[in-house]
Amino acid sequence: MKYSILILLILFLTSPAALAQLTLAIGDFKNDSEEFYLDAWEKSIPEFLKSDLGQAEELTVVERQQLESVLNEQALSMTGLLDSTALKTVGKMVGAQYIIGGKINQSGKWIRIDARIVQVATGEVKSVSVRSRNDQHVQEMVSLLANNIRNKLTGKAEYRSRMVLGRDYTLYFLGATAALGAGTVLANNTYQDYLAKYHQAG
């Protein structure tokens, strides 16, 4: 009896349904900064993202040409796809369950890539972001981004909050991590203020 249950479990886990892949389409990443040199990232980010996500066994990435062809048929632009009411239609036409796009920004010395993961069927949006002080490592930034997108969608990859590169110790932080850190600093500063007032009162 035990062996029968074990065999059935193995058959289920190796069945096509259990091994079903998620299908993704990758849209544009628009440069929203005032830095013209980041315009080149608009092209490189989708290509790097496609390469990294396409290596995951549980993910299938739709060819970008196929997505562009459907958008041309629907008289839509790649840039406005994620905010378009036609997202569901386009997703179904290319066979994608999720469409990923985003923006590139710069704030002070920090360069940031924000990715939006939109579920075609429901319109639900998940966000992943990564930032760096170094503009020489876009491929590594996208690699970290892809890893955490995979984690969000499948839970297969280990979530990584930062990456240290070589001897220059360049750090990439996810936006959520940065926000958490800022909150911790703010709470600590507030505590120190109250503590100082308490001692002055005493």
C-alpha atoms as a PDB file:
ATOM      1  CA  MET A   1       0.000   0.000   0.000  1.00  0.00           C
ATOM      2  CA  LYS A   2       2.807   2.409   0.942  1.00  0.00           C
ATOM      3  CA  TYR A   3       4.650   1.666  -2.297  1.00  0.00           C
ATOM      4  CA  SER A   4       1.473   2.282  -4.319  1.00  0.00           C
ATOM      5  CA  ILE A   5       1.028   5.726  -2.746  1.00  0.00           C
ATOM      6  CA  LEU A   6       4.705   6.537  -3.378  1.00  0.00           C
ATOM      7  CA  ILE A   7       4.431   5.505  -7.031  1.00  0.00           C
ATOM      8  CA  LEU A   8       1.270   7.584  -7.489  1.00  0.00           C
ATOM      9  CA  LEU A   9       2.998  10.592  -5.900  1.00  0.00           C
ATOM     10  CA  ILE A  10       6.003  10.244  -8.228  1.00  0.00           C
ATOM     11  CA  LEU A  11       3.717   9.928 -11.260  1.00  0.00           C
ATOM     12  CA  PHE A  12       1.823  13.071 -10.214  1.00  0.00           C
ATOM     13  CA  LEU A  13       4.961  15.125  -9.634  1.00  0.00           C
ATOM     14  CA  THR A  14       6.377  14.137 -13.015  1.00  0.00           C
ATOM     15  CA  SER A  15       3.119  14.603 -14.908  1.00  0.00           C
ATOM     16  CA  PRO A  16       2.818  17.419 -17.505  1.00  0.00           C
ATOM     17  CA  ALA A  17       0.398  19.317 -15.244  1.00  0.00           C
ATOM     18  CA  ALA A  18       2.834  19.288 -12.324  1.00  0.00           C
ATOM     19  CA  LEU A  19       5.697  20.363 -14.572  1.00  0.00           C
ATOM     20  CA  ALA A  20       3.664  23.066 -16.307  1.00  0.00           C
ATOM     21  CA  GLN A  21       5.668  26.126 -17.181  1.00  0.00           C
ATOM     22  CA  LEU A  22       4.758  29.767 -16.759  1.00  0.00           C
ATOM     23  CA  THR A  23       4.897  31.782 -19.964  1.00  0.00           C
ATOM     24  CA  LEU A  24       6.251  35.341 -19.847  1.00  0.00           C
ATOM     25  CA  ALA A  25       6.447  38.199 -22.325  1.00  0.00           C
ATOM     26  CA  ILE A  26       8.969  40.964 -21.739  1.00  0.00           C
ATOM     27  CA  GLY A  27       7.993  44.495 -22.700  1.00  0.00           C
ATOM     28  CA  ASP A  28       9.898  47.769 -22.578  1.00  0.00           C
ATOM     29  CA  PHE A  29      11.957  49.307 -19.783  1.00  0.00           C
ATOM     30  CA  LYS A  30      11.661  53.052 -20.329  1.00  0.00           C
ATOM     31  CA  ASN A  31      14.371  55.495 -19.305  1.00  0.00           C
ATOM     32  CA  ASP A  32      12.547  57.993 -17.068  1.00  0.00           C
ATOM     33  CA  SER A  33      15.743  59.713 -15.983  1.00  0.00           C
ATOM     34  CA  GLU A  34      17.356  62.760 -17.586  1.00  0.00           C
ATOM     35  CA  GLU A  35      20.519  60.784 -18.317  1.00  0.00           C
ATOM     36  CA  PHE A  36      20.807  60.095 -22.046  1.00  0.00           C
ATOM     37  CA  TYR A  37      23.423  57.375 -21.559  1.00  0.00           C
ATOM     38  CA  LEU A  38      20.723  55.257 -19.889  1.00  0.00           C
ATOM     39  CA  ASP A  39      18.789  55.182 -23.181  1.00  0.00           C
ATOM     40  CA  ALA A  40      21.011  52.258 -24.188  1.00  0.00           C
ATOM     41  CA  TRP A  41      19.675  50.327 -21.183  1.00  0.00           C
ATOM     42  CA  GLU A  42      16.193  50.386 -22.720  1.00  0.00           C
ATOM     43  CA  LYS A  43      17.413  47.833 -25.245  1.00  0.00           C
ATOM     44  CA  SER A  44      19.852  45.860 -23.101  1.00  0.00           C
ATOM     45  CA  ILE A  45      17.613  45.239 -20.078  1.00  0.00           C
ATOM     46  CA  PRO A  46      14.895  43.259 -21.956  1.00  0.00           C
ATOM     47  CA  GLU A  47      17.573  41.214 -23.742  1.00  0.00           C
ATOM     48  CA  PHE A  48      19.458  40.367 -20.545  1.00  0.00           C
ATOM     49  CA  LEU A  49      16.184  39.634 -18.739  1.00  0.00           C
ATOM     50  CA  LYS A  50      15.035  37.310 -21.517  1.00  0.00           C
ATOM     51  CA  SER A  51      18.365  35.475 -21.409  1.00  0.00           C
ATOM     52  CA  ASP A  52      18.349  35.030 -17.620  1.00  0.00           C
ATOM     53  CA  LEU A  53      14.670  34.091 -17.232  1.00  0.00           C
ATOM     54  CA  GLY A  54      14.806  31.821 -20.272  1.00  0.00           C
ATOM     55  CA  GLN A  55      17.347  29.612 -18.486  1.00  0.00           C
ATOM     56  CA  ALA A  56      14.829  28.680 -15.780  1.00  0.00           C
ATOM     57  CA  GLU A  57      13.232  25.295 -16.510  1.00  0.00           C
ATOM     58  CA  GLU A  58       9.861  26.383 -15.161  1.00  0.00           C
ATOM     59  CA  LEU A  59       9.667  29.541 -17.306  1.00  0.00           C
ATOM     60  CA  THR A  60       9.102  30.072 -21.026  1.00  0.00           C
ATOM     61  CA  VAL A  61       9.796  33.496 -22.534  1.00  0.00           C
ATOM     62  CA  VAL A  62       7.836  34.635 -25.592  1.00  0.00           C
ATOM     63  CA  GLU A  63       9.975  35.944 -28.444  1.00  0.00           C
ATOM     64  CA  ARG A  64       9.998  39.742 -28.434  1.00  0.00           C
ATOM     65  CA  GLN A  65       9.330  39.833 -32.194  1.00  0.00           C
ATOM     66  CA  GLN A  66       6.109  37.897 -31.602  1.00  0.00           C
ATOM     67  CA  LEU A  67       4.986  40.433 -28.996  1.00  0.00           C
ATOM     68  CA  GLU A  68       5.883  43.354 -31.256  1.00  0.00           C
ATOM     69  CA  SER A  69       3.957  41.769 -34.148  1.00  0.00           C
ATOM     70  CA  VAL A  70       0.790  41.463 -32.055  1.00  0.00           C
ATOM     71  CA  LEU A  71       1.162  45.037 -30.789  1.00  0.00           C
ATOM     72  CA  ASN A  72       1.451  46.290 -34.379  1.00  0.00           C
ATOM     73  CA  GLU A  73      -1.714  44.404 -35.297  1.00  0.00           C
ATOM     74  CA  GLN A  74      -3.521  46.004 -32.348  1.00  0.00           C
ATOM     75  CA  ALA A  75      -2.024  49.459 -33.102  1.00  0.00           C
ATOM     76  CA  LEU A  76      -0.470  49.604 -29.634  1.00  0.00           C
ATOM     77  CA  SER A  77       2.947  50.704 -28.431  1.00  0.00           C
ATOM     78  CA  MET A  78       5.265  48.552 -26.334  1.00  0.00           C
ATOM     79  CA  THR A  79       5.839  51.403 -23.883  1.00  0.00           C
ATOM     80  CA  GLY A  80       2.223  51.764 -22.780  1.00  0.00           C
ATOM     81  CA  LEU A  81       1.446  48.060 -22.766  1.00  0.00           C
ATOM     82  CA  LEU A  82       1.450  47.500 -19.001  1.00  0.00           C
ATOM     83  CA  ASP A  83      -1.078  50.279 -18.441  1.00  0.00           C
ATOM     84  CA  SER A  84      -3.223  49.364 -21.438  1.00  0.00           C
ATOM     85  CA  THR A  85      -6.737  47.945 -21.218  1.00  0.00           C
ATOM     86  CA  ALA A  86      -5.681  45.696 -24.106  1.00  0.00           C
ATOM     87  CA  LEU A  87      -3.114  43.928 -21.909  1.00  0.00           C
ATOM     88  CA  LYS A  88      -5.371  40.895 -21.455  1.00  0.00           C
ATOM     89  CA  THR A  89      -6.022  40.601 -25.180  1.00  0.00           C
ATOM     90  CA  VAL A  90      -2.343  40.936 -26.087  1.00  0.00           C
ATOM     91  CA  GLY A  91      -1.308  38.449 -23.412  1.00  0.00           C
ATOM     92  CA  LYS A  92      -3.742  35.854 -24.697  1.00  0.00           C
ATOM     93  CA  MET A  93      -2.684  36.397 -28.307  1.00  0.00           C
ATOM     94  CA  VAL A  94       0.970  35.662 -27.522  1.00  0.00           C
ATOM     95  CA  GLY A  95       0.114  32.945 -24.994  1.00  0.00           C
ATOM     96  CA  ALA A  96       1.666  34.777 -22.033  1.00  0.00           C
ATOM     97  CA  GLN A  97       0.440  34.431 -18.468  1.00  0.00           C
ATOM     98  CA  TYR A  98       2.586  37.327 -17.299  1.00  0.00           C
ATOM     99  CA  ILE A  99       3.941  40.448 -18.986  1.00  0.00           C
ATOM    100  CA  ILE A 100       6.983  42.175 -17.515  1.00  0.00           C
ATOM    101  CA  GLY A 101       8.087  45.743 -18.142  1.00  0.00           C
ATOM    102  CA  GLY A 102       9.342  48.682 -16.180  1.00  0.00           C
ATOM    103  CA  LYS A 103      11.329  51.890 -15.825  1.00  0.00           C
ATOM    104  CA  ILE A 104      14.890  53.104 -15.359  1.00  0.00           C
ATOM    105  CA  ASN A 105      15.481  56.024 -13.002  1.00  0.00           C
ATOM    106  CA  GLN A 106      18.330  57.888 -11.387  1.00  0.00           C
ATOM    107  CA  SER A 107      18.176  59.562  -8.001  1.00  0.00           C
ATOM    108  CA  GLY A 108      21.386  61.246  -6.898  1.00  0.00           C
ATOM    109  CA  LYS A 109      24.148  58.672  -7.372  1.00  0.00           C
ATOM    110  CA  TRP A 110      21.734  55.756  -7.428  1.00  0.00           C
ATOM    111  CA  ILE A 111      20.532  54.118 -10.663  1.00  0.00           C
ATOM    112  CA  ARG A 112      17.361  52.105 -10.232  1.00  0.00           C
ATOM    113  CA  ILE A 113      15.502  49.561 -12.367  1.00  0.00           C
ATOM    114  CA  ASP A 114      11.857  48.994 -11.426  1.00  0.00           C
ATOM    115  CA  ALA A 115      10.116  45.955 -12.887  1.00  0.00           C
ATOM    116  CA  ARG A 116       6.351  45.419 -12.961  1.00  0.00           C
ATOM    117  CA  ILE A 117       5.049  41.864 -13.310  1.00  0.00           C
ATOM    118  CA  VAL A 118       1.441  41.900 -14.517  1.00  0.00           C
ATOM    119  CA  GLN A 119      -0.671  38.752 -14.442  1.00  0.00           C
ATOM    120  CA  VAL A 120      -2.620  38.750 -17.697  1.00  0.00           C
ATOM    121  CA  ALA A 121      -5.717  36.928 -16.411  1.00  0.00           C
ATOM    122  CA  THR A 122      -6.313  39.085 -13.329  1.00  0.00           C
ATOM    123  CA  GLY A 123      -4.366  42.319 -13.873  1.00  0.00           C
ATOM    124  CA  GLU A 124      -2.609  41.739 -10.538  1.00  0.00           C
ATOM    125  CA  VAL A 125       0.711  43.596 -10.347  1.00  0.00           C
ATOM    126  CA  LYS A 126       3.858  42.559  -8.505  1.00  0.00           C
ATOM    127  CA  SER A 127       6.913  44.807  -8.297  1.00  0.00           C
ATOM    128  CA  VAL A 128      10.609  44.097  -8.029  1.00  0.00           C
ATOM    129  CA  SER A 129      13.325  46.739  -8.064  1.00  0.00           C
ATOM    130  CA  VAL A 130      17.082  46.872  -7.904  1.00  0.00           C
ATOM    131  CA  ARG A 131      19.488  49.800  -7.583  1.00  0.00           C
ATOM    132  CA  SER A 132      23.208  50.508  -7.780  1.00  0.00           C
ATOM    133  CA  ARG A 133      25.709  53.350  -7.516  1.00  0.00           C
ATOM    134  CA  ASN A 134      27.711  51.857 -10.383  1.00  0.00           C
ATOM    135  CA  ASP A 135      26.517  52.170 -13.995  1.00  0.00           C
ATOM    136  CA  GLN A 136      29.037  49.628 -15.293  1.00  0.00           C
ATOM    137  CA  HIS A 137      27.163  46.521 -14.148  1.00  0.00           C
ATOM    138  CA  VAL A 138      23.778  46.575 -15.861  1.00  0.00           C
ATOM    139  CA  GLN A 139      24.034  42.862 -16.696  1.00  0.00           C
ATOM    140  CA  GLU A 140      24.632  41.946 -13.052  1.00  0.00           C
ATOM    141  CA  MET A 141      21.789  44.221 -11.945  1.00  0.00           C
ATOM    142  CA  VAL A 142      19.419  42.480 -14.372  1.00  0.00           C
ATOM    143  CA  SER A 143      20.680  39.083 -13.201  1.00  0.00           C
ATOM    144  CA  LEU A 144      19.678  39.956  -9.631  1.00  0.00           C
ATOM    145  CA  LEU A 145      16.378  41.354 -10.910  1.00  0.00           C
ATOM    146  CA  ALA A 146      15.665  38.148 -12.871  1.00  0.00           C
ATOM    147  CA  ASN A 147      16.496  35.985  -9.870  1.00  0.00           C
ATOM    148  CA  ASN A 148      13.984  37.799  -7.692  1.00  0.00           C
ATOM    149  CA  ILE A 149      11.316  37.892 -10.413  1.00  0.00           C
ATOM    150  CA  ARG A 150      11.680  34.125 -10.614  1.00  0.00           C
ATOM    151  CA  ASN A 151      11.332  33.946  -6.835  1.00  0.00           C
ATOM    152  CA  LYS A 152       8.153  36.056  -6.942  1.00  0.00           C
ATOM    153  CA  LEU A 153       6.573  33.908  -9.658  1.00  0.00           C
ATOM    154  CA  THR A 154       7.638  30.388  -8.732  1.00  0.00           C
ATOM    155  CA  GLY A 155       9.369  30.402  -5.359  1.00  0.00           C
ATOM    156  CA  LYS A 156      12.111  28.303  -6.993  1.00  0.00           C
ATOM    157  CA  ALA A 157      14.981  30.776  -6.750  1.00  0.00           C
ATOM    158  CA  GLU A 158      16.377  31.946  -3.433  1.00  0.00           C
ATOM    159  CA  TYR A 159      15.472  35.578  -2.779  1.00  0.00           C
ATOM    160  CA  ARG A 160      18.600  37.727  -2.793  1.00  0.00           C
ATOM    161  CA  SER A 161      18.606  41.187  -1.244  1.00  0.00           C
ATOM    162  CA  ARG A 162      22.023  42.262  -2.487  1.00  0.00           C
ATOM    163  CA  MET A 163      25.023  41.328  -4.599  1.00  0.00           C
ATOM    164  CA  VAL A 164      28.666  42.151  -3.930  1.00  0.00           C
ATOM    165  CA  LEU A 165      30.860  42.484  -7.014  1.00  0.00           C
ATOM    166  CA  GLY A 166      34.618  42.080  -7.064  1.00  0.00           C
ATOM    167  CA  ARG A 167      36.949  44.266  -5.086  1.00  0.00           C
ATOM    168  CA  ASP A 168      34.955  47.446  -5.440  1.00  0.00           C
ATOM    169  CA  TYR A 169      32.178  45.997  -3.256  1.00  0.00           C
ATOM    170  CA  THR A 170      29.427  47.446  -5.410  1.00  0.00           C
ATOM    171  CA  LEU A 171      26.107  46.741  -3.726  1.00  0.00           C
ATOM    172  CA  TYR A 172      22.715  46.268  -5.334  1.00  0.00           C
ATOM    173  CA  PHE A 173      19.741  46.601  -3.029  1.00  0.00           C
ATOM    174  CA  LEU A 174      16.130  45.737  -3.716  1.00  0.00           C
ATOM    175  CA  GLY A 175      13.802  48.673  -3.221  1.00  0.00           C
ATOM    176  CA  ALA A 176      11.895  46.841  -0.484  1.00  0.00           C
ATOM    177  CA  THR A 177      15.127  46.282   1.410  1.00  0.00           C
ATOM    178  CA  ALA A 178      16.101  49.934   1.039  1.00  0.00           C
ATOM    179  CA  ALA A 179      12.673  51.035   2.285  1.00  0.00           C
ATOM    180  CA  LEU A 180      12.966  48.721   5.277  1.00  0.00           C
ATOM    181  CA  GLY A 181      16.390  50.139   6.080  1.00  0.00           C
ATOM    182  CA  ALA A 182      15.095  53.698   5.865  1.00  0.00           C
ATOM    183  CA  GLY A 183      12.246  52.790   8.220  1.00  0.00           C
ATOM    184  CA  THR A 184      14.678  51.288  10.703  1.00  0.00           C
ATOM    185  CA  VAL A 185      16.865  54.428  10.652  1.00  0.00           C
ATOM    186  CA  LEU A 186      13.805  56.658  11.113  1.00  0.00           C
ATOM    187  CA  ALA A 187      12.578  54.583  14.062  1.00  0.00           C
ATOM    188  CA  ASN A 188      16.032  54.665  15.657  1.00  0.00           C
ATOM    189  CA  ASN A 189      16.307  58.456  15.218  1.00  0.00           C
ATOM    190  CA  THR A 190      12.874  58.931  16.786  1.00  0.00           C
ATOM    191  CA  TYR A 191      13.902  56.734  19.723  1.00  0.00           C
ATOM    192  CA  GLN A 192      17.133  58.713  20.224  1.00  0.00           C
ATOM    193  CA  ASP A 193      15.166  62.015  20.224  1.00  0.00           C
ATOM    194  CA  TYR A 194      12.772  60.732  22.882  1.00  0.00           C
ATOM    195  CA  LEU A 195      15.690  59.404  24.939  1.00  0.00           C
ATOM    196  CA  ALA A 196      17.496  62.765  24.799  1.00  0.00           C
ATOM    197  CA  LYS A 197      14.331  64.643  25.876  1.00  0.00           C
ATOM    198  CA  TYR A 198      13.835  62.170  28.722  1.00  0.00           C
ATOM    199  CA  HIS A 199      17.372  62.774  30.040  1.00  0.00           C
ATOM    200  CA  GLN A 200      16.958  66.556  29.701  1.00  0.00           C
ATOM    201  CA  ALA A 201      13.715  66.400  31.673  1.00  0.00           C
ATOM    202  CA  GLY A 202      15.409  64.370  34.402  1.00  0.00           C
END
